[in-house]
Amino acid sequence: MNNQLPTVLLPLACFPNIEYFSWLMHAPEATIEKNETYPKQTCRNRYCIAAATGPLTLTVPVIKPDGNRTQVSGVLTEQNKNWQRTHWRAIESAYNKSPFFLYYRDDFEAIFNNPPELLMNFNLKIINLCLRLLKIKPAYKLSETFIKCPEDTLDLRHKIMPKQQVEKLFSITNFAPYIQVFADRQEFTPNLSILDLLFNLGPASVDYLQKHPPVNQQKEI
């Protein structure tokens, strides 16, 4: 089996999942897409956490100034709705008893208290904060133009938290269980938002990512 990883093209995700950050850590180079036409009901404005009742998907309400032709870089977050408080209360309720919530809460709460108007800037602020807390510096860049079929690049734009199940050329082999907040009443839920990993494992999150690289399932890409 060939485990050599290619360069990757990632979606501009909101509080991306663990798989996303594994790609950022292990891929030789990553590009984050900002020029595609915004697809609804995807990781661009959705993320999943472990709540007391089970996995909970939170959605950032958005405005598309150019309708269905709006590019990801032009999508706005709703500023006149109370989603920021709703999201933070859900996160706080889910993780306030986790080992590292108190260490990281101020950084994340500050983003919700003053979210950027552009969804792109909101997502990038989150991604960069998470990378800083993880203390990793991946070689990622933003896309300059939209490329429908990129060459010599693994296109993950519609394979990270997709609308529908899709076949993957790569996978994360068996996310090892770690202790989650509600482990006494729920089975382990893998590959949630990076928030789940950070709040539960803290500085050890980077070791977890290091031990869970994407694995090539084909002999050649």
N, C-alpha and C. Protein backbone atom coordinates (compact mmCIF):
# COMPACT_ATOMS: atom_id res chain seq x y z
N MET A 1 0.85 -1.20 0.00
CA MET A 1 0.00 0.00 0.00
C MET A 1 0.88 1.24 0.00
N ASN A 2 0.57 2.22 -0.88
CA ASN A 2 1.33 3.44 -0.97
C ASN A 2 0.76 4.47 -0.02
N ASN A 3 1.54 4.86 0.98
CA ASN A 3 1.05 5.81 1.96
C ASN A 3 1.49 7.23 1.69
N GLN A 4 2.13 7.47 0.56
CA GLN A 4 2.56 8.82 0.22
C GLN A 4 1.33 9.68 -0.03
N LEU A 5 1.28 10.84 0.60
CA LEU A 5 0.12 11.71 0.48
C LEU A 5 0.35 12.77 -0.59
N PRO A 6 -0.73 13.16 -1.29
CA PRO A 6 -0.62 14.20 -2.30
C PRO A 6 -0.87 15.57 -1.70
N THR A 7 -0.71 16.62 -2.49
CA THR A 7 -1.23 17.92 -2.10
C THR A 7 -2.75 17.82 -2.13
N VAL A 8 -3.43 18.63 -1.31
CA VAL A 8 -4.88 18.51 -1.20
C VAL A 8 -5.56 19.86 -1.38
N LEU A 9 -6.81 19.79 -1.83
CA LEU A 9 -7.66 20.96 -1.96
C LEU A 9 -8.82 20.79 -0.99
N LEU A 10 -8.89 21.66 0.01
CA LEU A 10 -9.85 21.54 1.09
C LEU A 10 -10.94 22.60 0.99
N PRO A 11 -12.13 22.31 1.51
CA PRO A 11 -13.17 23.34 1.59
C PRO A 11 -12.86 24.33 2.71
N LEU A 12 -13.46 25.49 2.64
CA LEU A 12 -13.30 26.48 3.70
C LEU A 12 -14.31 26.17 4.80
N ALA A 13 -13.92 25.30 5.72
CA ALA A 13 -14.86 24.73 6.69
C ALA A 13 -14.97 25.55 7.96
N CYS A 14 -16.13 25.39 8.63
CA CYS A 14 -16.41 26.06 9.89
C CYS A 14 -16.16 25.08 11.04
N PHE A 15 -15.29 25.44 11.97
CA PHE A 15 -14.90 24.54 13.05
C PHE A 15 -14.69 23.14 12.48
N PRO A 16 -13.70 22.99 11.59
CA PRO A 16 -13.53 21.73 10.85
C PRO A 16 -13.36 20.52 11.76
N ASN A 17 -13.63 19.34 11.17
CA ASN A 17 -13.52 18.11 11.95
C ASN A 17 -12.07 17.65 12.07
N ILE A 18 -11.87 16.57 12.80
CA ILE A 18 -10.52 16.08 13.08
C ILE A 18 -9.83 15.65 11.79
N GLU A 19 -10.58 15.04 10.89
CA GLU A 19 -10.01 14.63 9.61
C GLU A 19 -9.39 15.81 8.88
N TYR A 20 -10.05 16.93 8.89
CA TYR A 20 -9.59 18.14 8.21
C TYR A 20 -8.21 18.55 8.72
N PHE A 21 -8.06 18.56 10.04
CA PHE A 21 -6.78 18.98 10.62
C PHE A 21 -5.70 17.92 10.44
N SER A 22 -6.11 16.66 10.31
CA SER A 22 -5.13 15.62 9.99
C SER A 22 -4.54 15.86 8.60
N TRP A 23 -5.40 16.26 7.66
CA TRP A 23 -4.91 16.59 6.32
C TRP A 23 -3.97 17.79 6.37
N LEU A 24 -4.34 18.81 7.12
CA LEU A 24 -3.49 20.00 7.22
C LEU A 24 -2.12 19.64 7.81
N MET A 25 -2.12 18.73 8.78
CA MET A 25 -0.85 18.36 9.41
C MET A 25 0.02 17.50 8.51
N HIS A 26 -0.58 16.55 7.80
CA HIS A 26 0.21 15.52 7.12
C HIS A 26 0.42 15.74 5.62
N ALA A 27 -0.46 16.46 4.97
CA ALA A 27 -0.30 16.66 3.52
C ALA A 27 0.90 17.57 3.27
N PRO A 28 1.65 17.33 2.21
CA PRO A 28 2.82 18.16 1.92
C PRO A 28 2.45 19.60 1.62
N GLU A 29 1.24 19.81 1.10
CA GLU A 29 0.76 21.16 0.82
C GLU A 29 -0.76 21.12 0.73
N ALA A 30 -1.40 22.18 1.20
CA ALA A 30 -2.86 22.24 1.16
C ALA A 30 -3.32 23.60 0.66
N THR A 31 -4.36 23.57 -0.16
CA THR A 31 -5.01 24.80 -0.62
C THR A 31 -6.44 24.80 -0.10
N ILE A 32 -6.88 25.91 0.45
CA ILE A 32 -8.25 26.05 0.93
C ILE A 32 -9.04 26.85 -0.10
N GLU A 33 -10.14 26.28 -0.55
CA GLU A 33 -10.94 26.84 -1.64
C GLU A 33 -11.82 28.01 -1.17
N LYS A 34 -11.65 29.17 -1.83
CA LYS A 34 -12.50 30.31 -1.52
C LYS A 34 -13.23 30.85 -2.75
N ASN A 35 -13.00 30.25 -3.92
CA ASN A 35 -13.56 30.77 -5.16
C ASN A 35 -14.70 29.93 -5.73
N GLU A 36 -15.03 28.83 -5.08
CA GLU A 36 -16.13 28.01 -5.58
C GLU A 36 -17.47 28.67 -5.31
N THR A 37 -18.49 28.29 -6.08
CA THR A 37 -19.85 28.72 -5.79
C THR A 37 -20.29 28.06 -4.49
N TYR A 38 -20.85 28.85 -3.60
CA TYR A 38 -21.17 28.37 -2.26
C TYR A 38 -22.20 27.24 -2.31
N PRO A 39 -21.83 26.04 -1.80
CA PRO A 39 -22.81 24.95 -1.70
C PRO A 39 -23.44 24.93 -0.31
N LYS A 40 -24.74 24.84 -0.24
CA LYS A 40 -25.42 24.88 1.05
C LYS A 40 -25.40 23.51 1.73
N GLN A 41 -25.68 23.53 3.03
CA GLN A 41 -25.80 22.33 3.85
C GLN A 41 -24.51 21.50 3.87
N THR A 42 -23.38 22.17 4.00
CA THR A 42 -22.09 21.48 4.06
C THR A 42 -21.25 22.05 5.20
N CYS A 43 -20.03 21.60 5.28
CA CYS A 43 -19.12 22.02 6.36
C CYS A 43 -18.72 23.49 6.26
N ARG A 44 -19.08 24.17 5.15
CA ARG A 44 -18.73 25.59 5.04
C ARG A 44 -19.39 26.41 6.14
N ASN A 45 -20.57 25.99 6.59
CA ASN A 45 -21.22 26.71 7.69
C ASN A 45 -21.82 25.77 8.73
N ARG A 46 -21.37 24.51 8.75
CA ARG A 46 -21.88 23.54 9.72
C ARG A 46 -20.74 22.81 10.41
N TYR A 47 -20.97 22.45 11.67
CA TYR A 47 -20.01 21.64 12.41
C TYR A 47 -20.75 20.83 13.46
N CYS A 48 -20.10 19.78 13.96
CA CYS A 48 -20.76 18.84 14.85
C CYS A 48 -19.98 18.69 16.15
N ILE A 49 -20.68 18.79 17.27
CA ILE A 49 -20.07 18.63 18.59
C ILE A 49 -20.78 17.50 19.34
N ALA A 50 -20.21 17.11 20.48
CA ALA A 50 -20.81 16.05 21.29
C ALA A 50 -21.60 16.67 22.42
N ALA A 51 -22.91 16.71 22.28
CA ALA A 51 -23.79 17.27 23.30
C ALA A 51 -24.29 16.17 24.24
N ALA A 52 -25.01 16.55 25.27
CA ALA A 52 -25.50 15.59 26.25
C ALA A 52 -26.46 14.59 25.64
N THR A 53 -27.15 14.99 24.57
CA THR A 53 -28.12 14.11 23.91
C THR A 53 -27.54 13.37 22.71
N GLY A 54 -26.24 13.56 22.46
CA GLY A 54 -25.60 12.92 21.31
C GLY A 54 -25.01 13.96 20.38
N PRO A 55 -24.51 13.54 19.22
CA PRO A 55 -23.93 14.48 18.26
C PRO A 55 -24.91 15.59 17.90
N LEU A 56 -24.43 16.82 17.93
CA LEU A 56 -25.28 17.99 17.65
C LEU A 56 -24.64 18.81 16.54
N THR A 57 -25.37 19.02 15.45
CA THR A 57 -24.88 19.84 14.34
C THR A 57 -25.36 21.27 14.52
N LEU A 58 -24.41 22.21 14.50
CA LEU A 58 -24.71 23.63 14.61
C LEU A 58 -24.50 24.29 13.25
N THR A 59 -25.40 25.19 12.89
CA THR A 59 -25.36 25.82 11.57
C THR A 59 -25.29 27.34 11.71
N VAL A 60 -24.33 27.95 11.04
CA VAL A 60 -24.21 29.40 11.00
C VAL A 60 -25.14 29.92 9.90
N PRO A 61 -26.13 30.76 10.24
CA PRO A 61 -27.02 31.30 9.20
C PRO A 61 -26.26 32.29 8.31
N VAL A 62 -26.48 32.20 7.02
CA VAL A 62 -25.71 33.00 6.08
C VAL A 62 -26.62 33.75 5.11
N ILE A 63 -26.02 34.75 4.46
CA ILE A 63 -26.67 35.52 3.41
C ILE A 63 -25.82 35.40 2.15
N LYS A 64 -26.45 35.13 1.02
CA LYS A 64 -25.74 35.03 -0.25
C LYS A 64 -26.12 36.24 -1.11
N PRO A 65 -25.27 37.27 -1.12
CA PRO A 65 -25.61 38.51 -1.83
C PRO A 65 -25.92 38.31 -3.31
N ASP A 66 -25.27 37.35 -3.95
CA ASP A 66 -25.49 37.10 -5.37
C ASP A 66 -26.34 35.85 -5.60
N GLY A 67 -27.16 35.51 -4.62
CA GLY A 67 -28.01 34.34 -4.76
C GLY A 67 -27.21 33.07 -4.90
N ASN A 68 -27.67 32.17 -5.74
CA ASN A 68 -27.00 30.87 -5.91
C ASN A 68 -25.68 30.97 -6.65
N ARG A 69 -25.34 32.16 -7.13
CA ARG A 69 -24.05 32.36 -7.82
C ARG A 69 -22.98 32.91 -6.88
N THR A 70 -23.32 33.11 -5.63
CA THR A 70 -22.38 33.69 -4.68
C THR A 70 -21.19 32.77 -4.42
N GLN A 71 -20.00 33.32 -4.52
CA GLN A 71 -18.81 32.55 -4.20
C GLN A 71 -18.65 32.45 -2.68
N VAL A 72 -17.93 31.44 -2.25
CA VAL A 72 -17.68 31.26 -0.82
C VAL A 72 -17.08 32.52 -0.20
N SER A 73 -16.20 33.18 -0.93
CA SER A 73 -15.54 34.38 -0.40
C SER A 73 -16.50 35.55 -0.20
N GLY A 74 -17.71 35.49 -0.79
CA GLY A 74 -18.65 36.59 -0.68
C GLY A 74 -19.82 36.32 0.24
N VAL A 75 -19.89 35.15 0.83
CA VAL A 75 -21.01 34.80 1.72
C VAL A 75 -20.88 35.54 3.04
N LEU A 76 -22.01 36.07 3.52
CA LEU A 76 -22.04 36.84 4.76
C LEU A 76 -22.68 36.02 5.88
N THR A 77 -22.23 36.25 7.10
CA THR A 77 -22.92 35.67 8.26
C THR A 77 -24.05 36.60 8.66
N GLU A 78 -25.14 36.03 9.12
CA GLU A 78 -26.26 36.83 9.60
C GLU A 78 -25.82 37.63 10.84
N GLN A 79 -25.96 38.93 10.79
CA GLN A 79 -25.53 39.76 11.92
C GLN A 79 -26.70 40.17 12.82
N ASN A 80 -27.91 40.00 12.33
CA ASN A 80 -29.07 40.44 13.12
C ASN A 80 -29.81 39.29 13.77
N LYS A 81 -29.19 38.13 13.81
CA LYS A 81 -29.78 36.99 14.51
C LYS A 81 -28.92 36.65 15.71
N ASN A 82 -29.48 35.86 16.61
CA ASN A 82 -28.78 35.58 17.87
C ASN A 82 -28.07 34.24 17.83
N TRP A 83 -27.64 33.80 16.64
CA TRP A 83 -27.01 32.49 16.51
C TRP A 83 -25.70 32.41 17.29
N GLN A 84 -24.99 33.54 17.37
CA GLN A 84 -23.69 33.52 18.07
C GLN A 84 -23.86 33.05 19.52
N ARG A 85 -24.86 33.62 20.19
CA ARG A 85 -25.10 33.25 21.59
C ARG A 85 -25.59 31.81 21.68
N THR A 86 -26.46 31.41 20.74
CA THR A 86 -26.98 30.04 20.74
C THR A 86 -25.85 29.03 20.56
N HIS A 87 -24.95 29.30 19.62
CA HIS A 87 -23.83 28.40 19.38
C HIS A 87 -22.93 28.32 20.60
N TRP A 88 -22.60 29.48 21.17
CA TRP A 88 -21.67 29.45 22.30
C TRP A 88 -22.29 28.76 23.50
N ARG A 89 -23.56 28.97 23.74
CA ARG A 89 -24.23 28.29 24.85
C ARG A 89 -24.23 26.78 24.65
N ALA A 90 -24.42 26.35 23.40
CA ALA A 90 -24.39 24.91 23.11
C ALA A 90 -23.00 24.33 23.35
N ILE A 91 -21.97 25.06 22.92
CA ILE A 91 -20.59 24.61 23.13
C ILE A 91 -20.26 24.59 24.62
N GLU A 92 -20.64 25.64 25.31
CA GLU A 92 -20.38 25.72 26.75
C GLU A 92 -21.09 24.61 27.50
N SER A 93 -22.34 24.35 27.15
CA SER A 93 -23.09 23.28 27.80
C SER A 93 -22.47 21.92 27.55
N ALA A 94 -21.95 21.72 26.33
CA ALA A 94 -21.37 20.43 25.97
C ALA A 94 -20.00 20.20 26.61
N TYR A 95 -19.21 21.26 26.77
CA TYR A 95 -17.80 21.07 27.13
C TYR A 95 -17.35 21.75 28.42
N ASN A 96 -18.26 22.37 29.16
CA ASN A 96 -17.78 23.10 30.35
C ASN A 96 -17.19 22.17 31.41
N LYS A 97 -17.46 20.87 31.32
CA LYS A 97 -16.85 19.93 32.27
C LYS A 97 -15.68 19.15 31.66
N SER A 98 -15.29 19.53 30.46
CA SER A 98 -14.14 18.86 29.83
C SER A 98 -12.85 19.38 30.45
N PRO A 99 -11.77 18.60 30.39
CA PRO A 99 -10.54 18.95 31.11
C PRO A 99 -9.90 20.27 30.68
N PHE A 100 -10.07 20.67 29.41
CA PHE A 100 -9.33 21.83 28.93
C PHE A 100 -10.22 22.98 28.46
N PHE A 101 -11.50 22.92 28.78
CA PHE A 101 -12.41 23.99 28.35
C PHE A 101 -11.98 25.35 28.91
N LEU A 102 -11.63 25.39 30.18
CA LEU A 102 -11.26 26.65 30.81
C LEU A 102 -10.00 27.25 30.19
N TYR A 103 -9.12 26.41 29.66
CA TYR A 103 -7.88 26.89 29.07
C TYR A 103 -8.12 27.60 27.73
N TYR A 104 -9.14 27.14 27.00
CA TYR A 104 -9.34 27.63 25.64
C TYR A 104 -10.60 28.47 25.46
N ARG A 105 -11.47 28.50 26.44
CA ARG A 105 -12.78 29.10 26.25
C ARG A 105 -12.71 30.57 25.84
N ASP A 106 -11.81 31.34 26.45
CA ASP A 106 -11.76 32.78 26.18
C ASP A 106 -11.45 33.06 24.71
N ASP A 107 -10.55 32.28 24.13
CA ASP A 107 -10.18 32.48 22.73
C ASP A 107 -11.37 32.24 21.80
N PHE A 108 -12.11 31.18 22.05
CA PHE A 108 -13.25 30.86 21.19
C PHE A 108 -14.44 31.78 21.46
N GLU A 109 -14.67 32.08 22.73
CA GLU A 109 -15.80 32.96 23.05
C GLU A 109 -15.61 34.34 22.43
N ALA A 110 -14.37 34.80 22.35
CA ALA A 110 -14.09 36.11 21.75
C ALA A 110 -14.52 36.16 20.29
N ILE A 111 -14.36 35.05 19.57
CA ILE A 111 -14.78 35.01 18.16
C ILE A 111 -16.30 35.11 18.06
N PHE A 112 -17.01 34.42 18.93
CA PHE A 112 -18.47 34.49 18.91
C PHE A 112 -18.99 35.85 19.35
N ASN A 113 -18.25 36.51 20.23
CA ASN A 113 -18.69 37.82 20.70
C ASN A 113 -18.56 38.89 19.61
N ASN A 114 -17.66 38.67 18.68
CA ASN A 114 -17.45 39.65 17.61
C ASN A 114 -17.12 38.93 16.30
N PRO A 115 -18.08 38.18 15.74
CA PRO A 115 -17.80 37.40 14.53
C PRO A 115 -17.63 38.29 13.32
N PRO A 116 -16.64 38.01 12.45
CA PRO A 116 -16.51 38.76 11.21
C PRO A 116 -17.76 38.64 10.35
N GLU A 117 -18.02 39.67 9.55
CA GLU A 117 -19.22 39.66 8.72
C GLU A 117 -19.12 38.62 7.62
N LEU A 118 -17.93 38.45 7.04
CA LEU A 118 -17.75 37.45 6.00
C LEU A 118 -17.58 36.06 6.61
N LEU A 119 -18.31 35.09 6.11
CA LEU A 119 -18.16 33.72 6.57
C LEU A 119 -16.72 33.25 6.36
N MET A 120 -16.10 33.63 5.25
CA MET A 120 -14.72 33.24 4.98
C MET A 120 -13.80 33.70 6.10
N ASN A 121 -13.94 34.94 6.54
CA ASN A 121 -13.08 35.45 7.59
C ASN A 121 -13.37 34.80 8.94
N PHE A 122 -14.65 34.49 9.17
CA PHE A 122 -15.03 33.78 10.39
C PHE A 122 -14.36 32.41 10.43
N ASN A 123 -14.46 31.67 9.32
CA ASN A 123 -13.87 30.34 9.26
C ASN A 123 -12.35 30.37 9.36
N LEU A 124 -11.73 31.31 8.66
CA LEU A 124 -10.27 31.40 8.70
C LEU A 124 -9.77 31.78 10.10
N LYS A 125 -10.52 32.64 10.77
CA LYS A 125 -10.14 33.02 12.13
C LYS A 125 -10.15 31.80 13.04
N ILE A 126 -11.16 30.96 12.87
CA ILE A 126 -11.27 29.74 13.65
C ILE A 126 -10.14 28.77 13.32
N ILE A 127 -9.92 28.54 12.03
CA ILE A 127 -8.87 27.60 11.60
C ILE A 127 -7.51 28.04 12.13
N ASN A 128 -7.20 29.33 11.98
CA ASN A 128 -5.90 29.83 12.43
C ASN A 128 -5.75 29.76 13.95
N LEU A 129 -6.84 30.01 14.67
CA LEU A 129 -6.79 29.88 16.13
C LEU A 129 -6.51 28.43 16.52
N CYS A 130 -7.21 27.50 15.89
CA CYS A 130 -7.02 26.08 16.21
C CYS A 130 -5.60 25.63 15.89
N LEU A 131 -5.06 26.10 14.78
CA LEU A 131 -3.68 25.75 14.42
C LEU A 131 -2.71 26.31 15.45
N ARG A 132 -3.00 27.51 15.95
CA ARG A 132 -2.12 28.10 16.97
C ARG A 132 -2.19 27.30 18.27
N LEU A 133 -3.41 26.90 18.66
CA LEU A 133 -3.56 26.12 19.89
C LEU A 133 -2.92 24.74 19.75
N LEU A 134 -2.98 24.18 18.54
CA LEU A 134 -2.35 22.88 18.28
C LEU A 134 -0.84 23.00 18.11
N LYS A 135 -0.38 24.23 17.90
CA LYS A 135 1.05 24.51 17.68
C LYS A 135 1.59 23.79 16.46
N ILE A 136 0.80 23.84 15.38
CA ILE A 136 1.27 23.30 14.10
C ILE A 136 1.19 24.41 13.05
N LYS A 137 2.10 24.37 12.10
CA LYS A 137 2.17 25.39 11.06
C LYS A 137 2.18 24.72 9.69
N PRO A 138 1.01 24.33 9.21
CA PRO A 138 0.94 23.64 7.92
C PRO A 138 1.21 24.60 6.75
N ALA A 139 1.62 24.01 5.63
CA ALA A 139 1.86 24.79 4.42
C ALA A 139 0.55 24.90 3.66
N TYR A 140 -0.33 25.81 4.11
CA TYR A 140 -1.60 25.97 3.40
C TYR A 140 -1.69 27.38 2.82
N LYS A 141 -2.47 27.49 1.76
CA LYS A 141 -2.72 28.78 1.11
C LYS A 141 -4.17 28.82 0.66
N LEU A 142 -4.65 30.01 0.35
CA LEU A 142 -5.99 30.17 -0.20
C LEU A 142 -5.94 30.08 -1.72
N SER A 143 -6.97 29.53 -2.31
CA SER A 143 -7.02 29.41 -3.76
C SER A 143 -7.05 30.79 -4.41
N GLU A 144 -6.42 30.91 -5.56
CA GLU A 144 -6.40 32.18 -6.30
C GLU A 144 -7.53 32.24 -7.32
N THR A 145 -7.84 31.11 -7.94
CA THR A 145 -8.93 31.01 -8.90
C THR A 145 -9.63 29.67 -8.68
N PHE A 146 -10.82 29.54 -9.27
CA PHE A 146 -11.53 28.27 -9.16
C PHE A 146 -11.04 27.32 -10.24
N ILE A 147 -10.64 26.12 -9.82
CA ILE A 147 -10.22 25.08 -10.75
C ILE A 147 -11.17 23.92 -10.60
N LYS A 148 -11.91 23.64 -11.68
CA LYS A 148 -12.93 22.60 -11.61
C LYS A 148 -12.33 21.23 -11.35
N CYS A 149 -11.28 20.88 -12.09
CA CYS A 149 -10.64 19.57 -11.94
C CYS A 149 -9.14 19.77 -11.75
N PRO A 150 -8.69 19.99 -10.53
CA PRO A 150 -7.27 20.24 -10.29
C PRO A 150 -6.41 19.02 -10.63
N GLU A 151 -5.24 19.27 -11.19
CA GLU A 151 -4.31 18.20 -11.54
C GLU A 151 -3.32 17.97 -10.40
N ASP A 152 -2.93 16.70 -10.24
CA ASP A 152 -1.92 16.33 -9.24
C ASP A 152 -2.31 16.80 -7.83
N THR A 153 -3.59 16.89 -7.58
CA THR A 153 -4.10 17.34 -6.29
C THR A 153 -5.32 16.51 -5.93
N LEU A 154 -5.40 16.09 -4.68
CA LEU A 154 -6.57 15.36 -4.21
C LEU A 154 -7.66 16.36 -3.83
N ASP A 155 -8.78 16.33 -4.53
CA ASP A 155 -9.86 17.28 -4.33
C ASP A 155 -10.79 16.78 -3.24
N LEU A 156 -10.74 17.44 -2.08
CA LEU A 156 -11.57 17.05 -0.94
C LEU A 156 -12.69 18.06 -0.67
N ARG A 157 -12.96 18.94 -1.63
CA ARG A 157 -13.95 20.00 -1.40
C ARG A 157 -15.33 19.46 -1.08
N HIS A 158 -15.67 18.28 -1.61
CA HIS A 158 -17.00 17.73 -1.36
C HIS A 158 -16.92 16.38 -0.65
N LYS A 159 -15.79 16.13 0.02
CA LYS A 159 -15.61 14.86 0.71
C LYS A 159 -15.38 15.04 2.21
N ILE A 160 -15.24 16.29 2.65
CA ILE A 160 -15.13 16.57 4.08
C ILE A 160 -16.51 16.95 4.57
N MET A 161 -17.11 16.12 5.43
CA MET A 161 -18.46 16.35 5.92
C MET A 161 -19.41 16.67 4.77
N PRO A 162 -19.55 15.76 3.80
CA PRO A 162 -20.37 16.02 2.62
C PRO A 162 -21.86 15.87 2.89
N LYS A 163 -22.69 16.35 1.94
CA LYS A 163 -24.13 16.14 2.04
C LYS A 163 -24.46 14.66 1.99
N GLN A 164 -23.79 13.96 1.05
CA GLN A 164 -24.05 12.54 0.84
C GLN A 164 -22.75 11.77 1.00
N GLN A 165 -22.87 10.50 1.36
CA GLN A 165 -21.70 9.66 1.51
C GLN A 165 -21.00 9.49 0.16
N VAL A 166 -19.71 9.69 0.13
CA VAL A 166 -18.96 9.56 -1.10
C VAL A 166 -17.79 8.61 -0.89
N GLU A 167 -17.35 7.98 -1.96
CA GLU A 167 -16.21 7.07 -1.88
C GLU A 167 -14.94 7.88 -1.75
N LYS A 168 -14.07 7.49 -0.88
CA LYS A 168 -12.83 8.22 -0.65
C LYS A 168 -11.63 7.41 -1.10
N LEU A 169 -10.67 8.09 -1.69
CA LEU A 169 -9.41 7.44 -2.03
C LEU A 169 -8.53 7.30 -0.79
N PHE A 170 -8.78 8.16 0.16
CA PHE A 170 -8.00 8.16 1.39
C PHE A 170 -8.96 8.09 2.57
N SER A 171 -8.45 7.66 3.69
CA SER A 171 -9.28 7.64 4.90
C SER A 171 -8.38 7.78 6.12
N ILE A 172 -8.99 8.06 7.23
CA ILE A 172 -8.28 8.02 8.51
C ILE A 172 -8.55 6.64 9.09
N THR A 173 -7.50 5.90 9.36
CA THR A 173 -7.71 4.52 9.83
C THR A 173 -8.10 4.50 11.29
N ASN A 174 -9.35 4.17 11.56
CA ASN A 174 -9.82 3.89 12.91
C ASN A 174 -9.40 4.94 13.94
N PHE A 175 -10.20 6.00 14.02
CA PHE A 175 -9.95 6.99 15.06
C PHE A 175 -9.97 6.30 16.42
N ALA A 176 -8.86 6.36 17.12
CA ALA A 176 -8.80 5.74 18.45
C ALA A 176 -9.70 6.49 19.42
N PRO A 177 -10.46 5.78 20.23
CA PRO A 177 -11.32 6.45 21.21
C PRO A 177 -10.49 7.23 22.24
N TYR A 178 -10.98 8.36 22.62
CA TYR A 178 -10.45 9.11 23.76
C TYR A 178 -11.65 9.43 24.65
N ILE A 179 -11.40 9.84 25.88
CA ILE A 179 -12.51 10.07 26.81
C ILE A 179 -13.22 11.36 26.45
N GLN A 180 -14.51 11.25 26.10
CA GLN A 180 -15.34 12.41 25.82
C GLN A 180 -16.19 12.73 27.05
N VAL A 181 -16.76 13.91 27.07
CA VAL A 181 -17.44 14.41 28.26
C VAL A 181 -18.54 13.47 28.73
N PHE A 182 -19.31 12.94 27.79
CA PHE A 182 -20.46 12.11 28.17
C PHE A 182 -20.19 10.63 27.93
N ALA A 183 -18.95 10.23 28.18
CA ALA A 183 -18.56 8.83 27.95
C ALA A 183 -19.32 7.86 28.85
N ASP A 184 -19.85 8.36 29.97
CA ASP A 184 -20.57 7.47 30.89
C ASP A 184 -21.95 7.10 30.37
N ARG A 185 -22.43 7.80 29.35
CA ARG A 185 -23.78 7.53 28.85
C ARG A 185 -23.86 7.36 27.33
N GLN A 186 -22.76 7.62 26.63
CA GLN A 186 -22.77 7.54 25.17
C GLN A 186 -21.54 6.80 24.67
N GLU A 187 -21.70 6.14 23.53
CA GLU A 187 -20.55 5.53 22.87
C GLU A 187 -19.66 6.63 22.27
N PHE A 188 -18.41 6.31 22.08
CA PHE A 188 -17.47 7.26 21.50
C PHE A 188 -17.92 7.68 20.10
N THR A 189 -17.92 8.97 19.85
CA THR A 189 -18.26 9.50 18.53
C THR A 189 -16.99 10.04 17.88
N PRO A 190 -16.52 9.41 16.79
CA PRO A 190 -15.27 9.84 16.15
C PRO A 190 -15.48 11.03 15.21
N ASN A 191 -14.39 11.72 14.94
CA ASN A 191 -14.30 12.72 13.88
C ASN A 191 -15.32 13.85 14.02
N LEU A 192 -15.46 14.34 15.24
CA LEU A 192 -16.29 15.53 15.47
C LEU A 192 -15.47 16.78 15.15
N SER A 193 -16.04 17.94 15.42
CA SER A 193 -15.29 19.18 15.27
C SER A 193 -14.01 19.12 16.09
N ILE A 194 -13.00 19.83 15.62
CA ILE A 194 -11.73 19.89 16.33
C ILE A 194 -11.92 20.39 17.77
N LEU A 195 -13.03 21.09 18.02
CA LEU A 195 -13.32 21.54 19.38
C LEU A 195 -13.36 20.37 20.36
N ASP A 196 -13.94 19.26 19.92
CA ASP A 196 -14.06 18.09 20.79
C ASP A 196 -12.69 17.57 21.19
N LEU A 197 -11.79 17.52 20.25
CA LEU A 197 -10.43 17.04 20.53
C LEU A 197 -9.69 18.00 21.45
N LEU A 198 -9.75 19.29 21.14
CA LEU A 198 -9.03 20.28 21.95
C LEU A 198 -9.53 20.33 23.39
N PHE A 199 -10.85 20.36 23.56
CA PHE A 199 -11.39 20.48 24.92
C PHE A 199 -11.16 19.22 25.74
N ASN A 200 -11.08 18.07 25.09
CA ASN A 200 -10.89 16.82 25.83
C ASN A 200 -9.43 16.42 26.01
N LEU A 201 -8.59 16.70 25.02
CA LEU A 201 -7.19 16.27 25.09
C LEU A 201 -6.20 17.41 25.30
N GLY A 202 -6.61 18.63 25.01
CA GLY A 202 -5.70 19.75 25.21
C GLY A 202 -4.43 19.64 24.39
N PRO A 203 -3.26 19.88 25.00
CA PRO A 203 -2.00 19.82 24.27
C PRO A 203 -1.72 18.46 23.63
N ALA A 204 -2.34 17.39 24.14
CA ALA A 204 -2.13 16.06 23.57
C ALA A 204 -2.87 15.89 22.24
N SER A 205 -3.66 16.88 21.84
CA SER A 205 -4.39 16.80 20.57
C SER A 205 -3.46 16.65 19.39
N VAL A 206 -2.33 17.33 19.44
CA VAL A 206 -1.39 17.25 18.32
C VAL A 206 -0.79 15.85 18.21
N ASP A 207 -0.57 15.19 19.33
CA ASP A 207 -0.08 13.81 19.30
C ASP A 207 -1.13 12.88 18.69
N TYR A 208 -2.39 13.13 19.02
CA TYR A 208 -3.48 12.34 18.46
C TYR A 208 -3.51 12.49 16.94
N LEU A 209 -3.40 13.72 16.46
CA LEU A 209 -3.39 13.96 15.01
C LEU A 209 -2.18 13.31 14.35
N GLN A 210 -1.05 13.35 15.05
CA GLN A 210 0.16 12.75 14.51
C GLN A 210 0.00 11.24 14.33
N LYS A 211 -0.75 10.62 15.22
CA LYS A 211 -0.94 9.17 15.18
C LYS A 211 -2.08 8.76 14.25
N HIS A 212 -2.80 9.73 13.68
CA HIS A 212 -3.93 9.42 12.81
C HIS A 212 -3.81 10.14 11.48
N PRO A 213 -2.80 9.75 10.70
CA PRO A 213 -2.65 10.37 9.38
C PRO A 213 -3.63 9.77 8.38
N PRO A 214 -3.96 10.51 7.33
CA PRO A 214 -4.72 9.91 6.23
C PRO A 214 -3.89 8.80 5.60
N VAL A 215 -4.55 7.73 5.19
CA VAL A 215 -3.86 6.58 4.60
C VAL A 215 -4.37 6.35 3.19
N ASN A 216 -3.46 6.21 2.24
CA ASN A 216 -3.82 5.95 0.85
C ASN A 216 -4.38 4.56 0.74
N GLN A 217 -5.58 4.44 0.18
CA GLN A 217 -6.21 3.13 0.02
C GLN A 217 -5.97 2.54 -1.37
N GLN A 218 -5.28 3.27 -2.22
CA GLN A 218 -4.98 2.78 -3.55
C GLN A 218 -3.48 2.75 -3.74
N LYS A 219 -3.03 1.94 -4.67
CA LYS A 219 -1.60 1.85 -4.93
C LYS A 219 -1.08 3.11 -5.59
N GLU A 220 -1.91 3.73 -6.39
CA GLU A 220 -1.52 4.96 -7.06
C GLU A 220 -2.69 5.92 -7.00
N ILE A 221 -2.40 7.22 -6.99
CA ILE A 221 -3.47 8.20 -7.01
C ILE A 221 -3.65 8.70 -8.43
